Amino acid sequence: MDLHLAIKKVLEEKSQAMTVKEITDAINEQGLCTRRDGTAVCDFQIHGRSFNHKELFERDGKWVKLKKPE
């Protein structure tokens, strides 16, 4: 699963904003996504991907939430 889709899935399940660390932990615990070398994803990847997909996510400091449809 692509990382941005894993982030979206975790946020949909929680139904509220989460910190980057909480999202990272949830993705790794559920085994939704790994790095190309098979290791667990890290906070930095979640941080970057949530900024790169502004059509899906809103950021408020360390908090990430799903963007509401317009």
N, C-alpha and C. Protein backbone atom coordinates (compact mmCIF):
# COMPACT_ATOMS: atom_id res chain seq x y z
N MET A 1 0.86 -1.18 0.00
CA MET A 1 0.00 0.00 0.00
C MET A 1 0.90 1.24 0.00
N ASP A 2 0.55 2.22 -0.81
CA ASP A 2 1.30 3.47 -0.82
C ASP A 2 1.17 4.15 0.54
N LEU A 3 2.22 4.87 0.93
CA LEU A 3 2.25 5.47 2.26
C LEU A 3 1.12 6.47 2.48
N HIS A 4 0.83 7.31 1.49
CA HIS A 4 -0.23 8.29 1.69
C HIS A 4 -1.60 7.61 1.87
N LEU A 5 -1.80 6.46 1.24
CA LEU A 5 -3.04 5.71 1.43
C LEU A 5 -3.09 5.06 2.81
N ALA A 6 -1.94 4.63 3.30
CA ALA A 6 -1.87 4.07 4.66
C ALA A 6 -2.18 5.15 5.69
N ILE A 7 -1.65 6.36 5.49
CA ILE A 7 -1.94 7.48 6.39
C ILE A 7 -3.44 7.75 6.38
N LYS A 8 -4.01 7.81 5.19
CA LYS A 8 -5.44 8.08 5.05
C LYS A 8 -6.26 7.01 5.77
N LYS A 9 -5.91 5.75 5.60
CA LYS A 9 -6.63 4.65 6.25
C LYS A 9 -6.59 4.78 7.77
N VAL A 10 -5.43 5.07 8.32
CA VAL A 10 -5.28 5.21 9.78
C VAL A 10 -6.13 6.38 10.29
N LEU A 11 -6.10 7.50 9.57
CA LEU A 11 -6.88 8.66 9.99
C LEU A 11 -8.38 8.39 9.88
N GLU A 12 -8.79 7.67 8.86
CA GLU A 12 -10.21 7.32 8.72
C GLU A 12 -10.66 6.41 9.87
N GLU A 13 -9.82 5.47 10.24
CA GLU A 13 -10.15 4.56 11.34
C GLU A 13 -10.28 5.32 12.67
N LYS A 14 -9.40 6.28 12.89
CA LYS A 14 -9.39 7.02 14.15
C LYS A 14 -10.47 8.11 14.18
N SER A 15 -10.83 8.64 13.03
CA SER A 15 -11.86 9.68 12.89
C SER A 15 -11.53 10.97 13.64
N GLN A 16 -10.25 11.26 13.79
CA GLN A 16 -9.83 12.51 14.40
C GLN A 16 -8.38 12.77 14.04
N ALA A 17 -7.91 13.98 14.33
CA ALA A 17 -6.52 14.32 14.06
C ALA A 17 -5.59 13.46 14.91
N MET A 18 -4.42 13.17 14.36
CA MET A 18 -3.42 12.38 15.07
C MET A 18 -2.07 13.04 14.90
N THR A 19 -1.15 12.78 15.81
CA THR A 19 0.21 13.28 15.66
C THR A 19 0.94 12.40 14.65
N VAL A 20 2.02 12.94 14.11
CA VAL A 20 2.85 12.17 13.18
C VAL A 20 3.30 10.88 13.84
N LYS A 21 3.71 10.95 15.10
CA LYS A 21 4.18 9.76 15.84
C LYS A 21 3.07 8.73 15.97
N GLU A 22 1.86 9.16 16.29
CA GLU A 22 0.73 8.23 16.42
C GLU A 22 0.44 7.53 15.09
N ILE A 23 0.50 8.29 14.01
CA ILE A 23 0.26 7.72 12.68
C ILE A 23 1.35 6.71 12.34
N THR A 24 2.60 7.07 12.59
CA THR A 24 3.72 6.17 12.33
C THR A 24 3.56 4.87 13.09
N ASP A 25 3.25 4.98 14.38
CA ASP A 25 3.08 3.79 15.21
C ASP A 25 1.94 2.90 14.69
N ALA A 26 0.82 3.51 14.32
CA ALA A 26 -0.33 2.75 13.83
C ALA A 26 0.00 2.02 12.53
N ILE A 27 0.66 2.70 11.62
CA ILE A 27 1.03 2.08 10.33
C ILE A 27 1.96 0.90 10.56
N ASN A 28 2.95 1.09 11.42
CA ASN A 28 3.90 0.01 11.69
C ASN A 28 3.26 -1.15 12.45
N GLU A 29 2.40 -0.86 13.41
CA GLU A 29 1.72 -1.92 14.17
C GLU A 29 0.81 -2.75 13.28
N GLN A 30 0.13 -2.08 12.33
CA GLN A 30 -0.79 -2.79 11.45
C GLN A 30 -0.10 -3.39 10.23
N GLY A 31 1.17 -3.05 10.02
CA GLY A 31 1.91 -3.56 8.88
C GLY A 31 1.37 -3.08 7.55
N LEU A 32 0.86 -1.84 7.53
CA LEU A 32 0.24 -1.32 6.31
C LEU A 32 1.24 -0.96 5.23
N CYS A 33 2.44 -0.58 5.62
CA CYS A 33 3.42 -0.10 4.65
C CYS A 33 4.82 -0.27 5.24
N THR A 34 5.79 -0.56 4.39
CA THR A 34 7.19 -0.61 4.82
C THR A 34 8.03 0.16 3.81
N ARG A 35 9.25 0.43 4.20
CA ARG A 35 10.20 1.05 3.27
C ARG A 35 10.60 0.03 2.21
N ARG A 36 11.24 0.49 1.19
CA ARG A 36 11.66 -0.41 0.10
C ARG A 36 12.58 -1.52 0.60
N ASP A 37 13.37 -1.22 1.66
CA ASP A 37 14.28 -2.23 2.19
C ASP A 37 13.61 -3.14 3.21
N GLY A 38 12.29 -2.97 3.41
CA GLY A 38 11.54 -3.84 4.30
C GLY A 38 11.47 -3.37 5.74
N THR A 39 12.14 -2.28 6.07
CA THR A 39 12.11 -1.77 7.45
C THR A 39 10.86 -0.92 7.67
N ALA A 40 10.58 -0.64 8.93
CA ALA A 40 9.40 0.14 9.30
C ALA A 40 9.52 1.58 8.82
N VAL A 41 8.37 2.20 8.56
CA VAL A 41 8.37 3.61 8.17
C VAL A 41 8.73 4.46 9.39
N CYS A 42 9.23 5.67 9.13
CA CYS A 42 9.65 6.55 10.22
C CYS A 42 8.82 7.84 10.21
N ASP A 43 8.90 8.57 11.30
CA ASP A 43 8.15 9.82 11.45
C ASP A 43 8.42 10.79 10.31
N PHE A 44 9.68 10.88 9.88
CA PHE A 44 10.06 11.81 8.83
C PHE A 44 9.29 11.54 7.54
N GLN A 45 9.07 10.27 7.23
CA GLN A 45 8.31 9.92 6.02
C GLN A 45 6.86 10.36 6.12
N ILE A 46 6.25 10.18 7.29
CA ILE A 46 4.86 10.60 7.49
C ILE A 46 4.77 12.11 7.41
N HIS A 47 5.73 12.77 8.03
CA HIS A 47 5.77 14.24 8.01
C HIS A 47 5.81 14.75 6.55
N GLY A 48 6.73 14.22 5.78
CA GLY A 48 6.88 14.65 4.39
C GLY A 48 5.70 14.33 3.52
N ARG A 49 5.18 13.11 3.64
CA ARG A 49 4.07 12.69 2.79
C ARG A 49 2.81 13.49 3.09
N SER A 50 2.60 13.82 4.37
CA SER A 50 1.39 14.58 4.72
C SER A 50 1.48 16.01 4.19
N PHE A 51 2.69 16.55 4.03
CA PHE A 51 2.85 17.87 3.42
C PHE A 51 2.73 17.79 1.90
N ASN A 52 3.19 16.71 1.31
CA ASN A 52 3.16 16.57 -0.15
C ASN A 52 1.78 16.25 -0.71
N HIS A 53 0.87 15.82 0.13
CA HIS A 53 -0.48 15.47 -0.32
C HIS A 53 -1.50 16.38 0.35
N LYS A 54 -1.40 17.66 0.02
CA LYS A 54 -2.29 18.66 0.60
C LYS A 54 -3.74 18.47 0.16
N GLU A 55 -3.95 17.71 -0.91
CA GLU A 55 -5.32 17.42 -1.35
C GLU A 55 -6.00 16.43 -0.41
N LEU A 56 -5.22 15.70 0.39
CA LEU A 56 -5.76 14.71 1.31
C LEU A 56 -5.70 15.12 2.78
N PHE A 57 -4.64 15.86 3.13
CA PHE A 57 -4.36 16.10 4.54
C PHE A 57 -4.24 17.58 4.88
N GLU A 58 -4.61 17.92 6.10
CA GLU A 58 -4.39 19.25 6.67
C GLU A 58 -3.42 19.09 7.82
N ARG A 59 -2.52 20.06 7.96
CA ARG A 59 -1.53 20.03 9.03
C ARG A 59 -1.75 21.21 9.96
N ASP A 60 -1.57 20.97 11.25
CA ASP A 60 -1.61 22.02 12.25
C ASP A 60 -0.52 21.67 13.27
N GLY A 61 0.67 22.19 13.02
CA GLY A 61 1.80 21.82 13.86
C GLY A 61 2.11 20.34 13.69
N LYS A 62 2.11 19.61 14.80
CA LYS A 62 2.41 18.18 14.74
C LYS A 62 1.19 17.34 14.41
N TRP A 63 0.04 17.97 14.31
CA TRP A 63 -1.21 17.25 14.07
C TRP A 63 -1.51 17.12 12.58
N VAL A 64 -2.03 15.97 12.21
CA VAL A 64 -2.45 15.69 10.83
C VAL A 64 -3.90 15.23 10.88
N LYS A 65 -4.70 15.75 9.95
CA LYS A 65 -6.09 15.28 9.85
C LYS A 65 -6.47 15.21 8.38
N LEU A 66 -7.53 14.47 8.11
CA LEU A 66 -8.03 14.38 6.74
C LEU A 66 -8.66 15.70 6.34
N LYS A 67 -8.41 16.09 5.11
CA LYS A 67 -9.02 17.29 4.59
C LYS A 67 -10.48 17.01 4.28
N LYS A 68 -11.34 17.93 4.67
CA LYS A 68 -12.76 17.77 4.41
C LYS A 68 -13.04 18.02 2.94
N PRO A 69 -13.91 17.21 2.32
CA PRO A 69 -14.23 17.43 0.92
C PRO A 69 -14.93 18.78 0.73
N GLU A 70 -14.63 19.43 -0.37
CA GLU A 70 -15.21 20.75 -0.63
C GLU A 70 -16.55 20.64 -1.29
